[in-house]
Amino acid sequence: MIDLEKELNNFEYFCNDFGHVNLAKDKTYRYKNRQTQIMWTHWKARAKLAQAEITELKQKLEKLESGEFVLVPRNLSNELWEVMWKEFELSESMHEAHKAMIESVEKDHG
């Protein structure tokens, strides 16, 4: 969830910093100047999108940290190919070959 008070302070600081100082508000705390109100509406929308992206990245990081996923190189080394093929020849299972490759990477970087 975004911190609207913080976003409001950042927005007004930004406006002042760039010379847009028409920040007077009415009784409902909306900006009296239409352009300023539109800018604030866009600022809040951007903040919500940024927060959604942050939340999504945190979830992905949690998955990586959980051990459910591991990082493997894009291009497999000859050693990893050998590990996979050796396991495949023994088990005739790509699933087992894949597991053997992952275990080999984890052993090297564990």
PDB file of N, CA and C in Angstrom:
ATOM      1  N   MET A   1       0.848  -1.182   0.000  1.00  0.00           N
ATOM      2  CA  MET A   1       0.000   0.000   0.000  1.00  0.00           C
ATOM      3  C   MET A   1       0.889   1.239   0.000  1.00  0.00           C
ATOM      4  N   ILE A   2       0.482   2.209  -0.794  1.00  0.00           N
ATOM      5  CA  ILE A   2       1.303   3.413  -0.884  1.00  0.00           C
ATOM      6  C   ILE A   2       1.010   4.347   0.289  1.00  0.00           C
ATOM      7  N   ASP A   3       2.010   5.097   0.659  1.00  0.00           N
ATOM      8  CA  ASP A   3       1.892   6.094   1.725  1.00  0.00           C
ATOM      9  C   ASP A   3       1.514   7.419   1.056  1.00  0.00           C
ATOM     10  N   LEU A   4       0.210   7.750   1.062  1.00  0.00           N
ATOM     11  CA  LEU A   4      -0.256   8.953   0.354  1.00  0.00           C
ATOM     12  C   LEU A   4       0.341  10.233   0.923  1.00  0.00           C
ATOM     13  N   GLU A   5       0.542  10.275   2.226  1.00  0.00           N
ATOM     14  CA  GLU A   5       1.129  11.474   2.837  1.00  0.00           C
ATOM     15  C   GLU A   5       2.546  11.699   2.308  1.00  0.00           C
ATOM     16  N   LYS A   6       3.301  10.621   2.231  1.00  0.00           N
ATOM     17  CA  LYS A   6       4.665  10.708   1.705  1.00  0.00           C
ATOM     18  C   LYS A   6       4.634  11.106   0.231  1.00  0.00           C
ATOM     19  N   GLU A   7       3.725  10.499  -0.529  1.00  0.00           N
ATOM     20  CA  GLU A   7       3.619  10.840  -1.952  1.00  0.00           C
ATOM     21  C   GLU A   7       3.209  12.296  -2.149  1.00  0.00           C
ATOM     22  N   LEU A   8       2.297  12.771  -1.310  1.00  0.00           N
ATOM     23  CA  LEU A   8       1.871  14.169  -1.392  1.00  0.00           C
ATOM     24  C   LEU A   8       3.048  15.102  -1.126  1.00  0.00           C
ATOM     25  N   ASN A   9       3.826  14.801  -0.105  1.00  0.00           N
ATOM     26  CA  ASN A   9       5.003  15.628   0.206  1.00  0.00           C
ATOM     27  C   ASN A   9       5.994  15.606  -0.955  1.00  0.00           C
ATOM     28  N   ASN A  10       6.226  14.419  -1.521  1.00  0.00           N
ATOM     29  CA  ASN A  10       7.141  14.318  -2.662  1.00  0.00           C
ATOM     30  C   ASN A  10       6.616  15.082  -3.872  1.00  0.00           C
ATOM     31  N   PHE A  11       5.305  14.988  -4.103  1.00  0.00           N
ATOM     32  CA  PHE A  11       4.685  15.691  -5.229  1.00  0.00           C
ATOM     33  C   PHE A  11       4.846  17.203  -5.068  1.00  0.00           C
ATOM     34  N   GLU A  12       4.533  17.707  -3.884  1.00  0.00           N
ATOM     35  CA  GLU A  12       4.626  19.152  -3.667  1.00  0.00           C
ATOM     36  C   GLU A  12       6.074  19.628  -3.712  1.00  0.00           C
ATOM     37  N   TYR A  13       6.993  18.817  -3.222  1.00  0.00           N
ATOM     38  CA  TYR A  13       8.413  19.160  -3.320  1.00  0.00           C
ATOM     39  C   TYR A  13       8.820  19.232  -4.785  1.00  0.00           C
ATOM     40  N   PHE A  14       8.396  18.247  -5.571  1.00  0.00           N
ATOM     41  CA  PHE A  14       8.679  18.210  -7.000  1.00  0.00           C
ATOM     42  C   PHE A  14       8.120  19.464  -7.675  1.00  0.00           C
ATOM     43  N   CYS A  15       6.867  19.807  -7.374  1.00  0.00           N
ATOM     44  CA  CYS A  15       6.239  20.978  -7.993  1.00  0.00           C
ATOM     45  C   CYS A  15       6.998  22.256  -7.639  1.00  0.00           C
ATOM     46  N   ASN A  16       7.346  22.396  -6.379  1.00  0.00           N
ATOM     47  CA  ASN A  16       8.091  23.591  -5.957  1.00  0.00           C
ATOM     48  C   ASN A  16       9.464  23.626  -6.618  1.00  0.00           C
ATOM     49  N   ASP A  17      10.110  22.494  -6.707  1.00  0.00           N
ATOM     50  CA  ASP A  17      11.447  22.414  -7.266  1.00  0.00           C
ATOM     51  C   ASP A  17      11.468  22.810  -8.734  1.00  0.00           C
ATOM     52  N   PHE A  18      10.375  22.545  -9.457  1.00  0.00           N
ATOM     53  CA  PHE A  18      10.306  22.875 -10.872  1.00  0.00           C
ATOM     54  C   PHE A  18       9.517  24.153 -11.154  1.00  0.00           C
ATOM     55  N   GLY A  19       9.256  24.927 -10.111  1.00  0.00           N
ATOM     56  CA  GLY A  19       8.641  26.224 -10.295  1.00  0.00           C
ATOM     57  C   GLY A  19       7.129  26.226 -10.430  1.00  0.00           C
ATOM     58  N   HIS A  20       6.494  25.086 -10.263  1.00  0.00           N
ATOM     59  CA  HIS A  20       5.031  25.020 -10.317  1.00  0.00           C
ATOM     60  C   HIS A  20       4.531  25.130  -8.883  1.00  0.00           C
ATOM     61  N   VAL A  21       4.176  26.355  -8.502  1.00  0.00           N
ATOM     62  CA  VAL A  21       3.880  26.593  -7.091  1.00  0.00           C
ATOM     63  C   VAL A  21       2.401  26.846  -6.821  1.00  0.00           C
ATOM     64  N   ASN A  22       1.531  26.530  -7.767  1.00  0.00           N
ATOM     65  CA  ASN A  22       0.103  26.746  -7.585  1.00  0.00           C
ATOM     66  C   ASN A  22      -0.473  25.539  -6.848  1.00  0.00           C
ATOM     67  N   LEU A  23      -0.222  25.478  -5.525  1.00  0.00           N
ATOM     68  CA  LEU A  23      -0.581  24.307  -4.733  1.00  0.00           C
ATOM     69  C   LEU A  23      -1.719  24.563  -3.749  1.00  0.00           C
ATOM     70  N   ALA A  24      -2.476  25.658  -3.956  1.00  0.00           N
ATOM     71  CA  ALA A  24      -3.590  25.956  -3.050  1.00  0.00           C
ATOM     72  C   ALA A  24      -4.663  24.877  -3.172  1.00  0.00           C
ATOM     73  N   LYS A  25      -5.249  24.509  -2.015  1.00  0.00           N
ATOM     74  CA  LYS A  25      -6.275  23.458  -1.992  1.00  0.00           C
ATOM     75  C   LYS A  25      -7.600  24.050  -1.534  1.00  0.00           C
ATOM     76  N   ASP A  26      -8.674  23.363  -1.936  1.00  0.00           N
ATOM     77  CA  ASP A  26      -9.992  23.775  -1.474  1.00  0.00           C
ATOM     78  C   ASP A  26     -10.328  23.045  -0.172  1.00  0.00           C
ATOM     79  N   LYS A  27     -11.585  23.167   0.274  1.00  0.00           N
ATOM     80  CA  LYS A  27     -11.995  22.550   1.545  1.00  0.00           C
ATOM     81  C   LYS A  27     -11.943  21.028   1.525  1.00  0.00           C
ATOM     82  N   THR A  28     -11.999  20.441   0.346  1.00  0.00           N
ATOM     83  CA  THR A  28     -11.959  18.974   0.239  1.00  0.00           C
ATOM     84  C   THR A  28     -10.537  18.466  -0.014  1.00  0.00           C
ATOM     85  N   TYR A  29      -9.558  19.333   0.139  1.00  0.00           N
ATOM     86  CA  TYR A  29      -8.146  19.010  -0.041  1.00  0.00           C
ATOM     87  C   TYR A  29      -7.774  18.671  -1.486  1.00  0.00           C
ATOM     88  N   ARG A  30      -8.615  19.144  -2.416  1.00  0.00           N
ATOM     89  CA  ARG A  30      -8.260  19.022  -3.829  1.00  0.00           C
ATOM     90  C   ARG A  30      -7.578  20.321  -4.227  1.00  0.00           C
ATOM     91  N   TYR A  31      -6.671  20.204  -5.184  1.00  0.00           N
ATOM     92  CA  TYR A  31      -5.994  21.410  -5.653  1.00  0.00           C
ATOM     93  C   TYR A  31      -6.976  22.275  -6.425  1.00  0.00           C
ATOM     94  N   LYS A  32      -6.949  23.576  -6.149  1.00  0.00           N
ATOM     95  CA  LYS A  32      -7.843  24.506  -6.839  1.00  0.00           C
ATOM     96  C   LYS A  32      -7.489  24.618  -8.316  1.00  0.00           C
ATOM     97  N   ASN A  33      -6.209  24.569  -8.610  1.00  0.00           N
ATOM     98  CA  ASN A  33      -5.744  24.664  -9.984  1.00  0.00           C
ATOM     99  C   ASN A  33      -5.963  23.318 -10.669  1.00  0.00           C
ATOM    100  N   ARG A  34      -6.712  23.327 -11.779  1.00  0.00           N
ATOM    101  CA  ARG A  34      -7.065  22.084 -12.465  1.00  0.00           C
ATOM    102  C   ARG A  34      -5.832  21.313 -12.936  1.00  0.00           C
ATOM    103  N   GLN A  35      -4.851  22.017 -13.486  1.00  0.00           N
ATOM    104  CA  GLN A  35      -3.634  21.357 -13.969  1.00  0.00           C
ATOM    105  C   GLN A  35      -2.896  20.672 -12.816  1.00  0.00           C
ATOM    106  N   THR A  36      -2.843  21.338 -11.676  1.00  0.00           N
ATOM    107  CA  THR A  36      -2.174  20.753 -10.513  1.00  0.00           C
ATOM    108  C   THR A  36      -2.919  19.505 -10.050  1.00  0.00           C
ATOM    109  N   GLN A  37      -4.254  19.550 -10.045  1.00  0.00           N
ATOM    110  CA  GLN A  37      -5.038  18.386  -9.634  1.00  0.00           C
ATOM    111  C   GLN A  37      -4.828  17.213 -10.593  1.00  0.00           C
ATOM    112  N   ILE A  38      -4.766  17.500 -11.880  1.00  0.00           N
ATOM    113  CA  ILE A  38      -4.511  16.446 -12.870  1.00  0.00           C
ATOM    114  C   ILE A  38      -3.121  15.845 -12.657  1.00  0.00           C
ATOM    115  N   MET A  39      -2.131  16.707 -12.418  1.00  0.00           N
ATOM    116  CA  MET A  39      -0.771  16.215 -12.163  1.00  0.00           C
ATOM    117  C   MET A  39      -0.748  15.326 -10.918  1.00  0.00           C
ATOM    118  N   TRP A  40      -1.470  15.724  -9.878  1.00  0.00           N
ATOM    119  CA  TRP A  40      -1.515  14.928  -8.644  1.00  0.00           C
ATOM    120  C   TRP A  40      -2.185  13.569  -8.889  1.00  0.00           C
ATOM    121  N   THR A  41      -3.245  13.576  -9.684  1.00  0.00           N
ATOM    122  CA  THR A  41      -3.934  12.329 -10.021  1.00  0.00           C
ATOM    123  C   THR A  41      -2.987  11.381 -10.757  1.00  0.00           C
ATOM    124  N   HIS A  42      -2.218  11.906 -11.702  1.00  0.00           N
ATOM    125  CA  HIS A  42      -1.252  11.093 -12.437  1.00  0.00           C
ATOM    126  C   HIS A  42      -0.127  10.621 -11.511  1.00  0.00           C
ATOM    127  N   TRP A  43       0.297  11.484 -10.606  1.00  0.00           N
ATOM    128  CA  TRP A  43       1.358  11.121  -9.654  1.00  0.00           C
ATOM    129  C   TRP A  43       0.910   9.932  -8.798  1.00  0.00           C
ATOM    130  N   LYS A  44      -0.339   9.980  -8.307  1.00  0.00           N
ATOM    131  CA  LYS A  44      -0.850   8.876  -7.472  1.00  0.00           C
ATOM    132  C   LYS A  44      -0.937   7.579  -8.271  1.00  0.00           C
ATOM    133  N   ALA A  45      -1.365   7.691  -9.529  1.00  0.00           N
ATOM    134  CA  ALA A  45      -1.460   6.494 -10.370  1.00  0.00           C
ATOM    135  C   ALA A  45      -0.075   5.885 -10.588  1.00  0.00           C
ATOM    136  N   ARG A  46       0.917   6.728 -10.824  1.00  0.00           N
ATOM    137  CA  ARG A  46       2.288   6.249 -10.994  1.00  0.00           C
ATOM    138  C   ARG A  46       2.784   5.586  -9.717  1.00  0.00           C
ATOM    139  N   ALA A  47       2.466   6.172  -8.568  1.00  0.00           N
ATOM    140  CA  ALA A  47       2.884   5.598  -7.287  1.00  0.00           C
ATOM    141  C   ALA A  47       2.250   4.226  -7.067  1.00  0.00           C
ATOM    142  N   LYS A  48       0.984   4.074  -7.442  1.00  0.00           N
ATOM    143  CA  LYS A  48       0.313   2.775  -7.295  1.00  0.00           C
ATOM    144  C   LYS A  48       0.944   1.724  -8.200  1.00  0.00           C
ATOM    145  N   LEU A  49       1.281   2.109  -9.431  1.00  0.00           N
ATOM    146  CA  LEU A  49       1.938   1.171 -10.346  1.00  0.00           C
ATOM    147  C   LEU A  49       3.314   0.771  -9.827  1.00  0.00           C
ATOM    148  N   ALA A  50       4.050   1.746  -9.307  1.00  0.00           N
ATOM    149  CA  ALA A  50       5.376   1.457  -8.753  1.00  0.00           C
ATOM    150  C   ALA A  50       5.257   0.516  -7.563  1.00  0.00           C
ATOM    151  N   GLN A  51       4.270   0.739  -6.715  1.00  0.00           N
ATOM    152  CA  GLN A  51       4.078  -0.129  -5.551  1.00  0.00           C
ATOM    153  C   GLN A  51       3.707  -1.538  -5.979  1.00  0.00           C
ATOM    154  N   ALA A  52       2.884  -1.663  -7.011  1.00  0.00           N
ATOM    155  CA  ALA A  52       2.513  -2.986  -7.516  1.00  0.00           C
ATOM    156  C   ALA A  52       3.746  -3.717  -8.048  1.00  0.00           C
ATOM    157  N   GLU A  53       4.613  -2.983  -8.735  1.00  0.00           N
ATOM    158  CA  GLU A  53       5.836  -3.592  -9.255  1.00  0.00           C
ATOM    159  C   GLU A  53       6.756  -4.023  -8.116  1.00  0.00           C
ATOM    160  N   ILE A  54       6.870  -3.198  -7.097  1.00  0.00           N
ATOM    161  CA  ILE A  54       7.693  -3.536  -5.931  1.00  0.00           C
ATOM    162  C   ILE A  54       7.153  -4.789  -5.253  1.00  0.00           C
ATOM    163  N   THR A  55       5.839  -4.862  -5.093  1.00  0.00           N
ATOM    164  CA  THR A  55       5.215  -6.032  -4.472  1.00  0.00           C
ATOM    165  C   THR A  55       5.494  -7.291  -5.282  1.00  0.00           C
ATOM    166  N   GLU A  56       5.380  -7.194  -6.597  1.00  0.00           N
ATOM    167  CA  GLU A  56       5.634  -8.342  -7.469  1.00  0.00           C
ATOM    168  C   GLU A  56       7.091  -8.789  -7.370  1.00  0.00           C
ATOM    169  N   LEU A  57       8.016  -7.833  -7.344  1.00  0.00           N
ATOM    170  CA  LEU A  57       9.426  -8.185  -7.235  1.00  0.00           C
ATOM    171  C   LEU A  57       9.740  -8.819  -5.882  1.00  0.00           C
ATOM    172  N   LYS A  58       9.107  -8.331  -4.823  1.00  0.00           N
ATOM    173  CA  LYS A  58       9.300  -8.929  -3.503  1.00  0.00           C
ATOM    174  C   LYS A  58       8.811 -10.375  -3.479  1.00  0.00           C
ATOM    175  N   GLN A  59       7.690 -10.633  -4.140  1.00  0.00           N
ATOM    176  CA  GLN A  59       7.158 -11.999  -4.202  1.00  0.00           C
ATOM    177  C   GLN A  59       8.108 -12.922  -4.968  1.00  0.00           C
ATOM    178  N   LYS A  60       8.675 -12.416  -6.050  1.00  0.00           N
ATOM    179  CA  LYS A  60       9.633 -13.213  -6.817  1.00  0.00           C
ATOM    180  C   LYS A  60      10.883 -13.488  -5.989  1.00  0.00           C
ATOM    181  N   LEU A  61      11.333 -12.494  -5.252  1.00  0.00           N
ATOM    182  CA  LEU A  61      12.504 -12.675  -4.405  1.00  0.00           C
ATOM    183  C   LEU A  61      12.233 -13.695  -3.308  1.00  0.00           C
ATOM    184  N   GLU A  62      11.030 -13.646  -2.734  1.00  0.00           N
ATOM    185  CA  GLU A  62      10.671 -14.627  -1.707  1.00  0.00           C
ATOM    186  C   GLU A  62      10.699 -16.046  -2.269  1.00  0.00           C
ATOM    187  N   LYS A  63      10.239 -16.212  -3.511  1.00  0.00           N
ATOM    188  CA  LYS A  63      10.275 -17.533  -4.136  1.00  0.00           C
ATOM    189  C   LYS A  63      11.710 -18.014  -4.301  1.00  0.00           C
ATOM    190  N   LEU A  64      12.580 -17.116  -4.751  1.00  0.00           N
ATOM    191  CA  LEU A  64      13.979 -17.499  -4.909  1.00  0.00           C
ATOM    192  C   LEU A  64      14.602 -17.860  -3.569  1.00  0.00           C
ATOM    193  N   GLU A  65      14.299 -17.066  -2.544  1.00  0.00           N
ATOM    194  CA  GLU A  65      14.877 -17.310  -1.222  1.00  0.00           C
ATOM    195  C   GLU A  65      14.293 -18.550  -0.558  1.00  0.00           C
ATOM    196  N   SER A  66      13.116 -18.989  -0.981  1.00  0.00           N
ATOM    197  CA  SER A  66      12.464 -20.137  -0.359  1.00  0.00           C
ATOM    198  C   SER A  66      13.146 -21.454  -0.723  1.00  0.00           C
ATOM    199  N   GLY A  67      13.930 -21.444  -1.769  1.00  0.00           N
ATOM    200  CA  GLY A  67      14.560 -22.679  -2.230  1.00  0.00           C
ATOM    201  C   GLY A  67      13.714 -23.411  -3.254  1.00  0.00           C
ATOM    202  N   GLU A  68      12.538 -22.881  -3.544  1.00  0.00           N
ATOM    203  CA  GLU A  68      11.658 -23.498  -4.538  1.00  0.00           C
ATOM    204  C   GLU A  68      12.259 -23.375  -5.942  1.00  0.00           C
ATOM    205  N   PHE A  69      13.034 -22.325  -6.157  1.00  0.00           N
ATOM    206  CA  PHE A  69      13.673 -22.082  -7.441  1.00  0.00           C
ATOM    207  C   PHE A  69      15.173 -21.927  -7.235  1.00  0.00           C
ATOM    208  N   VAL A  70      15.932 -22.247  -8.266  1.00  0.00           N
ATOM    209  CA  VAL A  70      17.376 -22.035  -8.240  1.00  0.00           C
ATOM    210  C   VAL A  70      17.780 -21.342  -9.525  1.00  0.00           C
ATOM    211  N   LEU A  71      18.912 -20.664  -9.484  1.00  0.00           N
ATOM    212  CA  LEU A  71      19.436 -20.011 -10.680  1.00  0.00           C
ATOM    213  C   LEU A  71      20.417 -20.949 -11.355  1.00  0.00           C
ATOM    214  N   VAL A  72      20.271 -21.086 -12.642  1.00  0.00           N
ATOM    215  CA  VAL A  72      21.209 -21.890 -13.422  1.00  0.00           C
ATOM    216  C   VAL A  72      21.708 -21.029 -14.575  1.00  0.00           C
ATOM    217  N   PRO A  73      22.887 -21.350 -15.092  1.00  0.00           N
ATOM    218  CA  PRO A  73      23.409 -20.547 -16.203  1.00  0.00           C
ATOM    219  C   PRO A  73      22.551 -20.696 -17.459  1.00  0.00           C
ATOM    220  N   ARG A  74      22.496 -19.650 -18.246  1.00  0.00           N
ATOM    221  CA  ARG A  74      21.765 -19.708 -19.518  1.00  0.00           C
ATOM    222  C   ARG A  74      22.400 -20.729 -20.457  1.00  0.00           C
ATOM    223  N   ASN A  75      23.704 -20.696 -20.513  1.00  0.00           N
ATOM    224  CA  ASN A  75      24.444 -21.617 -21.383  1.00  0.00           C
ATOM    225  C   ASN A  75      25.113 -22.657 -20.495  1.00  0.00           C
ATOM    226  N   LEU A  76      24.736 -23.899 -20.690  1.00  0.00           N
ATOM    227  CA  LEU A  76      25.273 -24.968 -19.867  1.00  0.00           C
ATOM    228  C   LEU A  76      26.717 -25.284 -20.248  1.00  0.00           C
ATOM    229  N   SER A  77      27.515 -25.483 -19.243  1.00  0.00           N
ATOM    230  CA  SER A  77      28.905 -25.878 -19.485  1.00  0.00           C
ATOM    231  C   SER A  77      28.935 -27.330 -19.940  1.00  0.00           C
ATOM    232  N   ASN A  78      30.064 -27.732 -20.468  1.00  0.00           N
ATOM    233  CA  ASN A  78      30.226 -29.132 -20.883  1.00  0.00           C
ATOM    234  C   ASN A  78      30.017 -30.058 -19.688  1.00  0.00           C
ATOM    235  N   GLU A  79      30.486 -29.629 -18.528  1.00  0.00           N
ATOM    236  CA  GLU A  79      30.340 -30.449 -17.320  1.00  0.00           C
ATOM    237  C   GLU A  79      28.869 -30.696 -16.991  1.00  0.00           C
ATOM    238  N   LEU A  80      28.046 -29.647 -17.081  1.00  0.00           N
ATOM    239  CA  LEU A  80      26.619 -29.824 -16.798  1.00  0.00           C
ATOM    240  C   LEU A  80      25.947 -30.718 -17.835  1.00  0.00           C
ATOM    241  N   TRP A  81      26.328 -30.550 -19.109  1.00  0.00           N
ATOM    242  CA  TRP A  81      25.768 -31.423 -20.136  1.00  0.00           C
ATOM    243  C   TRP A  81      26.113 -32.885 -19.850  1.00  0.00           C
ATOM    244  N   GLU A  82      27.356 -33.107 -19.440  1.00  0.00           N
ATOM    245  CA  GLU A  82      27.786 -34.473 -19.133  1.00  0.00           C
ATOM    246  C   GLU A  82      26.989 -35.054 -17.974  1.00  0.00           C
ATOM    247  N   VAL A  83      26.768 -34.241 -16.936  1.00  0.00           N
ATOM    248  CA  VAL A  83      25.978 -34.694 -15.785  1.00  0.00           C
ATOM    249  C   VAL A  83      24.573 -35.082 -16.240  1.00  0.00           C
ATOM    250  N   MET A  84      23.970 -34.224 -17.062  1.00  0.00           N
ATOM    251  CA  MET A  84      22.607 -34.494 -17.531  1.00  0.00           C
ATOM    252  C   MET A  84      22.544 -35.765 -18.374  1.00  0.00           C
ATOM    253  N   TRP A  85      23.451 -35.887 -19.354  1.00  0.00           N
ATOM    254  CA  TRP A  85      23.399 -37.047 -20.240  1.00  0.00           C
ATOM    255  C   TRP A  85      23.697 -38.344 -19.500  1.00  0.00           C
ATOM    256  N   LYS A  86      24.624 -38.266 -18.553  1.00  0.00           N
ATOM    257  CA  LYS A  86      24.936 -39.468 -17.769  1.00  0.00           C
ATOM    258  C   LYS A  86      23.694 -39.950 -17.023  1.00  0.00           C
ATOM    259  N   GLU A  87      23.003 -39.009 -16.375  1.00  0.00           N
ATOM    260  CA  GLU A  87      21.781 -39.367 -15.638  1.00  0.00           C
ATOM    261  C   GLU A  87      20.692 -39.837 -16.591  1.00  0.00           C
ATOM    262  N   PHE A  88      20.570 -39.182 -17.747  1.00  0.00           N
ATOM    263  CA  PHE A  88      19.549 -39.581 -18.714  1.00  0.00           C
ATOM    264  C   PHE A  88      19.791 -41.003 -19.215  1.00  0.00           C
ATOM    265  N   GLU A  89      21.059 -41.321 -19.487  1.00  0.00           N
ATOM    266  CA  GLU A  89      21.382 -42.674 -19.956  1.00  0.00           C
ATOM    267  C   GLU A  89      21.059 -43.723 -18.895  1.00  0.00           C
ATOM    268  N   LEU A  90      21.266 -43.357 -17.608  1.00  0.00           N
ATOM    269  CA  LEU A  90      20.980 -44.302 -16.525  1.00  0.00           C
ATOM    270  C   LEU A  90      19.479 -44.466 -16.278  1.00  0.00           C
ATOM    271  N   SER A  91      18.780 -43.334 -16.251  1.00  0.00           N
ATOM    272  CA  SER A  91      17.371 -43.375 -15.842  1.00  0.00           C
ATOM    273  C   SER A  91      16.392 -43.291 -17.001  1.00  0.00           C
ATOM    274  N   GLU A  92      16.865 -42.844 -18.172  1.00  0.00           N
ATOM    275  CA  GLU A  92      16.003 -42.587 -19.322  1.00  0.00           C
ATOM    276  C   GLU A  92      14.865 -41.635 -18.980  1.00  0.00           C
ATOM    277  N   SER A  93      15.172 -40.701 -18.094  1.00  0.00           N
ATOM    278  CA  SER A  93      14.171 -39.722 -17.666  1.00  0.00           C
ATOM    279  C   SER A  93      14.774 -38.320 -17.723  1.00  0.00           C
ATOM    280  N   MET A  94      14.164 -37.451 -18.534  1.00  0.00           N
ATOM    281  CA  MET A  94      14.631 -36.060 -18.585  1.00  0.00           C
ATOM    282  C   MET A  94      14.408 -35.372 -17.243  1.00  0.00           C
ATOM    283  N   HIS A  95      13.370 -35.768 -16.543  1.00  0.00           N
ATOM    284  CA  HIS A  95      13.103 -35.207 -15.220  1.00  0.00           C
ATOM    285  C   HIS A  95      14.281 -35.497 -14.279  1.00  0.00           C
ATOM    286  N   GLU A  96      14.736 -36.729 -14.273  1.00  0.00           N
ATOM    287  CA  GLU A  96      15.877 -37.098 -13.423  1.00  0.00           C
ATOM    288  C   GLU A  96      17.161 -36.416 -13.896  1.00  0.00           C
ATOM    289  N   ALA A  97      17.327 -36.277 -15.210  1.00  0.00           N
ATOM    290  CA  ALA A  97      18.500 -35.587 -15.750  1.00  0.00           C
ATOM    291  C   ALA A  97      18.489 -34.120 -15.317  1.00  0.00           C
ATOM    292  N   HIS A  98      17.324 -33.516 -15.361  1.00  0.00           N
ATOM    293  CA  HIS A  98      17.187 -32.129 -14.929  1.00  0.00           C
ATOM    294  C   HIS A  98      17.527 -32.000 -13.455  1.00  0.00           C
ATOM    295  N   LYS A  99      17.008 -32.887 -12.624  1.00  0.00           N
ATOM    296  CA  LYS A  99      17.306 -32.869 -11.198  1.00  0.00           C
ATOM    297  C   LYS A  99      18.806 -33.026 -10.946  1.00  0.00           C
ATOM    298  N   ALA A 100      19.452 -33.893 -11.716  1.00  0.00           N
ATOM    299  CA  ALA A 100      20.891 -34.099 -11.554  1.00  0.00           C
ATOM    300  C   ALA A 100      21.662 -32.826 -11.881  1.00  0.00           C
ATOM    301  N   MET A 101      21.215 -32.111 -12.930  1.00  0.00           N
ATOM    302  CA  MET A 101      21.869 -30.860 -13.292  1.00  0.00           C
ATOM    303  C   MET A 101      21.712 -29.832 -12.172  1.00  0.00           C
ATOM    304  N   ILE A 102      20.503 -29.717 -11.637  1.00  0.00           N
ATOM    305  CA  ILE A 102      20.249 -28.764 -10.557  1.00  0.00           C
ATOM    306  C   ILE A 102      21.107 -29.108  -9.338  1.00  0.00           C
ATOM    307  N   GLU A 103      21.170 -30.363  -8.977  1.00  0.00           N
ATOM    308  CA  GLU A 103      21.977 -30.780  -7.838  1.00  0.00           C
ATOM    309  C   GLU A 103      23.446 -30.466  -8.070  1.00  0.00           C
ATOM    310  N   SER A 104      23.901 -30.608  -9.298  1.00  0.00           N
ATOM    311  CA  SER A 104      25.287 -30.292  -9.618  1.00  0.00           C
ATOM    312  C   SER A 104      25.567 -28.800  -9.453  1.00  0.00           C
ATOM    313  N   VAL A 105      24.623 -27.960  -9.915  1.00  0.00           N
ATOM    314  CA  VAL A 105      24.784 -26.507  -9.763  1.00  0.00           C
ATOM    315  C   VAL A 105      24.753 -26.139  -8.289  1.00  0.00           C
ATOM    316  N   GLU A 106      23.822 -26.724  -7.525  1.00  0.00           N
ATOM    317  CA  GLU A 106      23.727 -26.415  -6.098  1.00  0.00           C
ATOM    318  C   GLU A 106      24.995 -26.851  -5.359  1.00  0.00           C
ATOM    319  N   LYS A 107      25.560 -27.989  -5.761  1.00  0.00           N
ATOM    320  CA  LYS A 107      26.782 -28.480  -5.124  1.00  0.00           C
ATOM    321  C   LYS A 107      27.924 -27.487  -5.354  1.00  0.00           C
ATOM    322  N   ASP A 108      28.022 -26.953  -6.569  1.00  0.00           N
ATOM    323  CA  ASP A 108      29.091 -26.020  -6.900  1.00  0.00           C
ATOM    324  C   ASP A 108      28.915 -24.657  -6.246  1.00  0.00           C
ATOM    325  N   HIS A 109      27.664 -24.235  -6.034  1.00  0.00           N
ATOM    326  CA  HIS A 109      27.390 -22.883  -5.519  1.00  0.00           C
ATOM    327  C   HIS A 109      26.702 -22.900  -4.165  1.00  0.00           C
ATOM    328  N   GLY A 110      26.517 -24.067  -3.590  1.00  0.00           N
ATOM    329  CA  GLY A 110      25.779 -24.280  -2.375  1.00  0.00           C
ATOM    330  C   GLY A 110      26.087 -23.383  -1.283  1.00  0.00           C
TER     331      GLY A 110
END
